Amino acid sequence: MKKLVEVIARNLVEHPDEVVVTETEKEDCIVVELKVNPSDMGKVIGRQGRIAKAIRTVVKAASAKSPKKVIVDIM
């Protein structure tokens, strides 16, 4: 999931070299944290959170067969 979020985010932002994605596995879920340049936050979140919601939807669909829930946090 880390690679998927990284590819999506790098294609959205103006500073792709500053995209940092970390994946933390817990007992019942996997947390994917996305950090971008502060000037790119609007592009990753989108109007009324539409882009962020779309990223979460794609990750949820990609992890459908996984037994653990995947959570995407945008920092």
PDB file of N, CA and C in Angstrom:
ATOM      1  N   MET A   1       0.812  -1.192   0.000  1.00  0.00           N
ATOM      2  CA  MET A   1       0.000   0.000   0.000  1.00  0.00           C
ATOM      3  C   MET A   1       0.860   1.263   0.000  1.00  0.00           C
ATOM      4  N   LYS A   2       2.036   1.156   0.607  1.00  0.00           N
ATOM      5  CA  LYS A   2       2.942   2.293   0.680  1.00  0.00           C
ATOM      6  C   LYS A   2       3.300   2.783  -0.719  1.00  0.00           C
ATOM      7  N   LYS A   3       3.641   1.870  -1.588  1.00  0.00           N
ATOM      8  CA  LYS A   3       4.054   2.234  -2.946  1.00  0.00           C
ATOM      9  C   LYS A   3       2.895   2.860  -3.723  1.00  0.00           C
ATOM     10  N   LEU A   4       1.695   2.336  -3.544  1.00  0.00           N
ATOM     11  CA  LEU A   4       0.517   2.873  -4.226  1.00  0.00           C
ATOM     12  C   LEU A   4       0.258   4.321  -3.828  1.00  0.00           C
ATOM     13  N   VAL A   5       0.271   4.609  -2.547  1.00  0.00           N
ATOM     14  CA  VAL A   5       0.040   5.969  -2.055  1.00  0.00           C
ATOM     15  C   VAL A   5       1.147   6.896  -2.538  1.00  0.00           C
ATOM     16  N   GLU A   6       2.376   6.398  -2.552  1.00  0.00           N
ATOM     17  CA  GLU A   6       3.508   7.207  -2.986  1.00  0.00           C
ATOM     18  C   GLU A   6       3.387   7.584  -4.465  1.00  0.00           C
ATOM     19  N   VAL A   7       3.006   6.649  -5.300  1.00  0.00           N
ATOM     20  CA  VAL A   7       2.852   6.920  -6.732  1.00  0.00           C
ATOM     21  C   VAL A   7       1.739   7.938  -6.980  1.00  0.00           C
ATOM     22  N   ILE A   8       0.624   7.773  -6.307  1.00  0.00           N
ATOM     23  CA  ILE A   8      -0.495   8.708  -6.469  1.00  0.00           C
ATOM     24  C   ILE A   8      -0.082  10.114  -6.026  1.00  0.00           C
ATOM     25  N   ALA A   9       0.547  10.218  -4.857  1.00  0.00           N
ATOM     26  CA  ALA A   9       0.913  11.525  -4.309  1.00  0.00           C
ATOM     27  C   ALA A   9       1.970  12.217  -5.162  1.00  0.00           C
ATOM     28  N   ARG A  10       2.958  11.468  -5.634  1.00  0.00           N
ATOM     29  CA  ARG A  10       4.016  12.076  -6.451  1.00  0.00           C
ATOM     30  C   ARG A  10       3.475  12.667  -7.748  1.00  0.00           C
ATOM     31  N   ASN A  11       2.423  12.087  -8.281  1.00  0.00           N
ATOM     32  CA  ASN A  11       1.835  12.603  -9.515  1.00  0.00           C
ATOM     33  C   ASN A  11       0.925  13.804  -9.287  1.00  0.00           C
ATOM     34  N   LEU A  12       0.562  14.064  -8.058  1.00  0.00           N
ATOM     35  CA  LEU A  12      -0.325  15.190  -7.750  1.00  0.00           C
ATOM     36  C   LEU A  12       0.419  16.478  -7.399  1.00  0.00           C
ATOM     37  N   VAL A  13       1.581  16.364  -6.790  1.00  0.00           N
ATOM     38  CA  VAL A  13       2.253  17.525  -6.190  1.00  0.00           C
ATOM     39  C   VAL A  13       3.290  18.157  -7.121  1.00  0.00           C
ATOM     40  N   GLU A  14       3.693  19.401  -6.769  1.00  0.00           N
ATOM     41  CA  GLU A  14       4.732  20.109  -7.516  1.00  0.00           C
ATOM     42  C   GLU A  14       6.133  19.739  -7.042  1.00  0.00           C
ATOM     43  N   HIS A  15       6.246  19.236  -5.811  1.00  0.00           N
ATOM     44  CA  HIS A  15       7.540  18.847  -5.245  1.00  0.00           C
ATOM     45  C   HIS A  15       7.526  17.341  -4.953  1.00  0.00           C
ATOM     46  N   PRO A  16       7.630  16.500  -5.989  1.00  0.00           N
ATOM     47  CA  PRO A  16       7.526  15.050  -5.756  1.00  0.00           C
ATOM     48  C   PRO A  16       8.670  14.467  -4.930  1.00  0.00           C
ATOM     49  N   ASP A  17       9.811  15.154  -4.897  1.00  0.00           N
ATOM     50  CA  ASP A  17      10.938  14.653  -4.114  1.00  0.00           C
ATOM     51  C   ASP A  17      10.719  14.815  -2.614  1.00  0.00           C
ATOM     52  N   GLU A  18       9.734  15.615  -2.204  1.00  0.00           N
ATOM     53  CA  GLU A  18       9.459  15.829  -0.782  1.00  0.00           C
ATOM     54  C   GLU A  18       8.312  14.974  -0.256  1.00  0.00           C
ATOM     55  N   VAL A  19       7.831  14.048  -1.066  1.00  0.00           N
ATOM     56  CA  VAL A  19       6.759  13.143  -0.640  1.00  0.00           C
ATOM     57  C   VAL A  19       7.375  12.033   0.201  1.00  0.00           C
ATOM     58  N   VAL A  20       6.856  11.856   1.413  1.00  0.00           N
ATOM     59  CA  VAL A  20       7.340  10.816   2.323  1.00  0.00           C
ATOM     60  C   VAL A  20       6.143   9.968   2.766  1.00  0.00           C
ATOM     61  N   VAL A  21       6.246   8.675   2.521  1.00  0.00           N
ATOM     62  CA  VAL A  21       5.176   7.756   2.902  1.00  0.00           C
ATOM     63  C   VAL A  21       5.755   6.729   3.859  1.00  0.00           C
ATOM     64  N   THR A  22       5.128   6.579   5.024  1.00  0.00           N
ATOM     65  CA  THR A  22       5.557   5.571   5.983  1.00  0.00           C
ATOM     66  C   THR A  22       4.397   4.635   6.266  1.00  0.00           C
ATOM     67  N   GLU A  23       4.728   3.373   6.479  1.00  0.00           N
ATOM     68  CA  GLU A  23       3.703   2.366   6.739  1.00  0.00           C
ATOM     69  C   GLU A  23       3.987   1.718   8.086  1.00  0.00           C
ATOM     70  N   THR A  24       3.003   1.751   8.971  1.00  0.00           N
ATOM     71  CA  THR A  24       3.125   1.174  10.299  1.00  0.00           C
ATOM     72  C   THR A  24       2.070   0.091  10.464  1.00  0.00           C
ATOM     73  N   GLU A  25       2.504  -1.084  10.869  1.00  0.00           N
ATOM     74  CA  GLU A  25       1.560  -2.189  11.036  1.00  0.00           C
ATOM     75  C   GLU A  25       1.237  -2.362  12.514  1.00  0.00           C
ATOM     76  N   LYS A  26      -0.051  -2.360  12.820  1.00  0.00           N
ATOM     77  CA  LYS A  26      -0.523  -2.576  14.181  1.00  0.00           C
ATOM     78  C   LYS A  26      -1.263  -3.901  14.226  1.00  0.00           C
ATOM     79  N   GLU A  27      -1.826  -4.227  15.370  1.00  0.00           N
ATOM     80  CA  GLU A  27      -2.501  -5.520  15.536  1.00  0.00           C
ATOM     81  C   GLU A  27      -3.645  -5.734  14.553  1.00  0.00           C
ATOM     82  N   ASP A  28      -4.520  -4.730  14.442  1.00  0.00           N
ATOM     83  CA  ASP A  28      -5.725  -4.904  13.630  1.00  0.00           C
ATOM     84  C   ASP A  28      -5.759  -4.061  12.363  1.00  0.00           C
ATOM     85  N   CYS A  29      -4.748  -3.193  12.153  1.00  0.00           N
ATOM     86  CA  CYS A  29      -4.777  -2.326  10.974  1.00  0.00           C
ATOM     87  C   CYS A  29      -3.371  -1.947  10.521  1.00  0.00           C
ATOM     88  N   ILE A  30      -3.310  -1.394   9.339  1.00  0.00           N
ATOM     89  CA  ILE A  30      -2.072  -0.863   8.775  1.00  0.00           C
ATOM     90  C   ILE A  30      -2.292   0.628   8.572  1.00  0.00           C
ATOM     91  N   VAL A  31      -1.406   1.452   9.119  1.00  0.00           N
ATOM     92  CA  VAL A  31      -1.527   2.901   9.009  1.00  0.00           C
ATOM     93  C   VAL A  31      -0.485   3.396   8.007  1.00  0.00           C
ATOM     94  N   VAL A  32      -0.962   4.066   6.962  1.00  0.00           N
ATOM     95  CA  VAL A  32      -0.088   4.651   5.953  1.00  0.00           C
ATOM     96  C   VAL A  32      -0.133   6.164   6.146  1.00  0.00           C
ATOM     97  N   GLU A  33       1.027   6.754   6.465  1.00  0.00           N
ATOM     98  CA  GLU A  33       1.106   8.194   6.701  1.00  0.00           C
ATOM     99  C   GLU A  33       1.746   8.860   5.490  1.00  0.00           C
ATOM    100  N   LEU A  34       1.109   9.905   5.003  1.00  0.00           N
ATOM    101  CA  LEU A  34       1.587  10.651   3.840  1.00  0.00           C
ATOM    102  C   LEU A  34       1.977  12.050   4.271  1.00  0.00           C
ATOM    103  N   LYS A  35       3.222  12.425   3.993  1.00  0.00           N
ATOM    104  CA  LYS A  35       3.701  13.768   4.309  1.00  0.00           C
ATOM    105  C   LYS A  35       4.173  14.410   3.012  1.00  0.00           C
ATOM    106  N   VAL A  36       3.729  15.654   2.788  1.00  0.00           N
ATOM    107  CA  VAL A  36       4.125  16.399   1.599  1.00  0.00           C
ATOM    108  C   VAL A  36       4.561  17.798   1.997  1.00  0.00           C
ATOM    109  N   ASN A  37       5.106  18.532   1.054  1.00  0.00           N
ATOM    110  CA  ASN A  37       5.483  19.921   1.267  1.00  0.00           C
ATOM    111  C   ASN A  37       4.228  20.702   1.644  1.00  0.00           C
ATOM    112  N   PRO A  38       4.324  21.624   2.612  1.00  0.00           N
ATOM    113  CA  PRO A  38       3.134  22.388   3.024  1.00  0.00           C
ATOM    114  C   PRO A  38       2.432  23.113   1.876  1.00  0.00           C
ATOM    115  N   SER A  39       3.169  23.518   0.857  1.00  0.00           N
ATOM    116  CA  SER A  39       2.535  24.210  -0.270  1.00  0.00           C
ATOM    117  C   SER A  39       1.732  23.250  -1.152  1.00  0.00           C
ATOM    118  N   ASP A  40       1.962  21.950  -1.017  1.00  0.00           N
ATOM    119  CA  ASP A  40       1.250  20.945  -1.813  1.00  0.00           C
ATOM    120  C   ASP A  40       0.068  20.326  -1.075  1.00  0.00           C
ATOM    121  N   MET A  41      -0.170  20.726   0.158  1.00  0.00           N
ATOM    122  CA  MET A  41      -1.251  20.117   0.940  1.00  0.00           C
ATOM    123  C   MET A  41      -2.610  20.282   0.267  1.00  0.00           C
ATOM    124  N   GLY A  42      -2.856  21.431  -0.310  1.00  0.00           N
ATOM    125  CA  GLY A  42      -4.133  21.672  -0.970  1.00  0.00           C
ATOM    126  C   GLY A  42      -4.367  20.743  -2.142  1.00  0.00           C
ATOM    127  N   LYS A  43      -3.313  20.409  -2.856  1.00  0.00           N
ATOM    128  CA  LYS A  43      -3.437  19.511  -4.005  1.00  0.00           C
ATOM    129  C   LYS A  43      -3.706  18.079  -3.577  1.00  0.00           C
ATOM    130  N   VAL A  44      -3.158  17.685  -2.449  1.00  0.00           N
ATOM    131  CA  VAL A  44      -3.357  16.319  -1.964  1.00  0.00           C
ATOM    132  C   VAL A  44      -4.735  16.176  -1.309  1.00  0.00           C
ATOM    133  N   ILE A  45      -5.195  17.214  -0.635  1.00  0.00           N
ATOM    134  CA  ILE A  45      -6.494  17.146   0.029  1.00  0.00           C
ATOM    135  C   ILE A  45      -7.630  17.442  -0.949  1.00  0.00           C
ATOM    136  N   GLY A  46      -7.473  18.451  -1.781  1.00  0.00           N
ATOM    137  CA  GLY A  46      -8.496  18.793  -2.765  1.00  0.00           C
ATOM    138  C   GLY A  46      -9.626  19.589  -2.160  1.00  0.00           C
ATOM    139  N   ARG A  47     -10.512  20.052  -3.017  1.00  0.00           N
ATOM    140  CA  ARG A  47     -11.662  20.826  -2.544  1.00  0.00           C
ATOM    141  C   ARG A  47     -12.599  19.929  -1.758  1.00  0.00           C
ATOM    142  N   GLN A  48     -12.892  20.367  -0.562  1.00  0.00           N
ATOM    143  CA  GLN A  48     -13.769  19.641   0.362  1.00  0.00           C
ATOM    144  C   GLN A  48     -13.286  18.209   0.598  1.00  0.00           C
ATOM    145  N   GLY A  49     -11.972  17.981   0.457  1.00  0.00           N
ATOM    146  CA  GLY A  49     -11.400  16.672   0.751  1.00  0.00           C
ATOM    147  C   GLY A  49     -11.645  15.606  -0.306  1.00  0.00           C
ATOM    148  N   ARG A  50     -11.992  16.011  -1.509  1.00  0.00           N
ATOM    149  CA  ARG A  50     -12.335  15.033  -2.541  1.00  0.00           C
ATOM    150  C   ARG A  50     -11.149  14.182  -2.973  1.00  0.00           C
ATOM    151  N   ILE A  51      -9.977  14.800  -3.139  1.00  0.00           N
ATOM    152  CA  ILE A  51      -8.794  14.040  -3.556  1.00  0.00           C
ATOM    153  C   ILE A  51      -8.376  13.076  -2.454  1.00  0.00           C
ATOM    154  N   ALA A  52      -8.362  13.543  -1.212  1.00  0.00           N
ATOM    155  CA  ALA A  52      -8.012  12.680  -0.078  1.00  0.00           C
ATOM    156  C   ALA A  52      -8.972  11.498   0.015  1.00  0.00           C
ATOM    157  N   LYS A  53     -10.245  11.757  -0.180  1.00  0.00           N
ATOM    158  CA  LYS A  53     -11.243  10.689  -0.135  1.00  0.00           C
ATOM    159  C   LYS A  53     -11.015   9.697  -1.273  1.00  0.00           C
ATOM    160  N   ALA A  54     -10.659  10.208  -2.449  1.00  0.00           N
ATOM    161  CA  ALA A  54     -10.392   9.328  -3.591  1.00  0.00           C
ATOM    162  C   ALA A  54      -9.170   8.450  -3.340  1.00  0.00           C
ATOM    163  N   ILE A  55      -8.131   9.018  -2.740  1.00  0.00           N
ATOM    164  CA  ILE A  55      -6.930   8.229  -2.408  1.00  0.00           C
ATOM    165  C   ILE A  55      -7.304   7.121  -1.436  1.00  0.00           C
ATOM    166  N   ARG A  56      -8.080   7.452  -0.413  1.00  0.00           N
ATOM    167  CA  ARG A  56      -8.496   6.452   0.569  1.00  0.00           C
ATOM    168  C   ARG A  56      -9.361   5.369  -0.071  1.00  0.00           C
ATOM    169  N   THR A  57     -10.211   5.742  -1.025  1.00  0.00           N
ATOM    170  CA  THR A  57     -11.061   4.777  -1.715  1.00  0.00           C
ATOM    171  C   THR A  57     -10.233   3.803  -2.548  1.00  0.00           C
ATOM    172  N   VAL A  58      -9.238   4.322  -3.263  1.00  0.00           N
ATOM    173  CA  VAL A  58      -8.369   3.467  -4.078  1.00  0.00           C
ATOM    174  C   VAL A  58      -7.591   2.496  -3.199  1.00  0.00           C
ATOM    175  N   VAL A  59      -7.065   2.985  -2.078  1.00  0.00           N
ATOM    176  CA  VAL A  59      -6.307   2.125  -1.164  1.00  0.00           C
ATOM    177  C   VAL A  59      -7.226   1.071  -0.552  1.00  0.00           C
ATOM    178  N   LYS A  60      -8.429   1.453  -0.212  1.00  0.00           N
ATOM    179  CA  LYS A  60      -9.385   0.497   0.355  1.00  0.00           C
ATOM    180  C   LYS A  60      -9.710  -0.602  -0.655  1.00  0.00           C
ATOM    181  N   ALA A  61      -9.890  -0.225  -1.913  1.00  0.00           N
ATOM    182  CA  ALA A  61     -10.178  -1.214  -2.950  1.00  0.00           C
ATOM    183  C   ALA A  61      -8.982  -2.131  -3.182  1.00  0.00           C
ATOM    184  N   ALA A  62      -7.778  -1.582  -3.130  1.00  0.00           N
ATOM    185  CA  ALA A  62      -6.578  -2.384  -3.342  1.00  0.00           C
ATOM    186  C   ALA A  62      -6.327  -3.351  -2.187  1.00  0.00           C
ATOM    187  N   SER A  63      -6.797  -3.005  -1.004  1.00  0.00           N
ATOM    188  CA  SER A  63      -6.568  -3.849   0.169  1.00  0.00           C
ATOM    189  C   SER A  63      -7.789  -4.687   0.534  1.00  0.00           C
ATOM    190  N   ALA A  64      -8.707  -4.847  -0.382  1.00  0.00           N
ATOM    191  CA  ALA A  64      -9.957  -5.554  -0.084  1.00  0.00           C
ATOM    192  C   ALA A  64      -9.728  -6.997   0.356  1.00  0.00           C
ATOM    193  N   LYS A  65      -8.738  -7.652  -0.198  1.00  0.00           N
ATOM    194  CA  LYS A  65      -8.485  -9.050   0.148  1.00  0.00           C
ATOM    195  C   LYS A  65      -7.603  -9.212   1.382  1.00  0.00           C
ATOM    196  N   SER A  66      -7.055  -8.115   1.862  1.00  0.00           N
ATOM    197  CA  SER A  66      -6.210  -8.152   3.049  1.00  0.00           C
ATOM    198  C   SER A  66      -7.078  -8.293   4.294  1.00  0.00           C
ATOM    199  N   PRO A  67      -6.652  -9.095   5.262  1.00  0.00           N
ATOM    200  CA  PRO A  67      -7.448  -9.248   6.484  1.00  0.00           C
ATOM    201  C   PRO A  67      -7.410  -8.014   7.390  1.00  0.00           C
ATOM    202  N   LYS A  68      -6.426  -7.137   7.192  1.00  0.00           N
ATOM    203  CA  LYS A  68      -6.292  -5.950   8.032  1.00  0.00           C
ATOM    204  C   LYS A  68      -6.852  -4.716   7.332  1.00  0.00           C
ATOM    205  N   LYS A  69      -7.391  -3.811   8.125  1.00  0.00           N
ATOM    206  CA  LYS A  69      -7.917  -2.555   7.617  1.00  0.00           C
ATOM    207  C   LYS A  69      -6.734  -1.613   7.342  1.00  0.00           C
ATOM    208  N   VAL A  70      -6.812  -0.840   6.264  1.00  0.00           N
ATOM    209  CA  VAL A  70      -5.757   0.105   5.919  1.00  0.00           C
ATOM    210  C   VAL A  70      -6.294   1.517   6.123  1.00  0.00           C
ATOM    211  N   ILE A  71      -5.549   2.319   6.891  1.00  0.00           N
ATOM    212  CA  ILE A  71      -5.929   3.697   7.188  1.00  0.00           C
ATOM    213  C   ILE A  71      -4.887   4.615   6.571  1.00  0.00           C
ATOM    214  N   VAL A  72      -5.334   5.632   5.815  1.00  0.00           N
ATOM    215  CA  VAL A  72      -4.430   6.607   5.203  1.00  0.00           C
ATOM    216  C   VAL A  72      -4.553   7.913   5.972  1.00  0.00           C
ATOM    217  N   ASP A  73      -3.438   8.359   6.551  1.00  0.00           N
ATOM    218  CA  ASP A  73      -3.379   9.636   7.269  1.00  0.00           C
ATOM    219  C   ASP A  73      -2.544  10.608   6.469  1.00  0.00           C
ATOM    220  N   ILE A  74      -3.064  11.808   6.245  1.00  0.00           N
ATOM    221  CA  ILE A  74      -2.319  12.840   5.544  1.00  0.00           C
ATOM    222  C   ILE A  74      -1.833  13.843   6.574  1.00  0.00           C
ATOM    223  N   MET A  75      -0.525  13.966   6.679  1.00  0.00           N
ATOM    224  CA  MET A  75       0.087  14.837   7.697  1.00  0.00           C
ATOM    225  C   MET A  75       0.409  16.195   7.110  1.00  0.00           C
TER     226      MET A  75
END
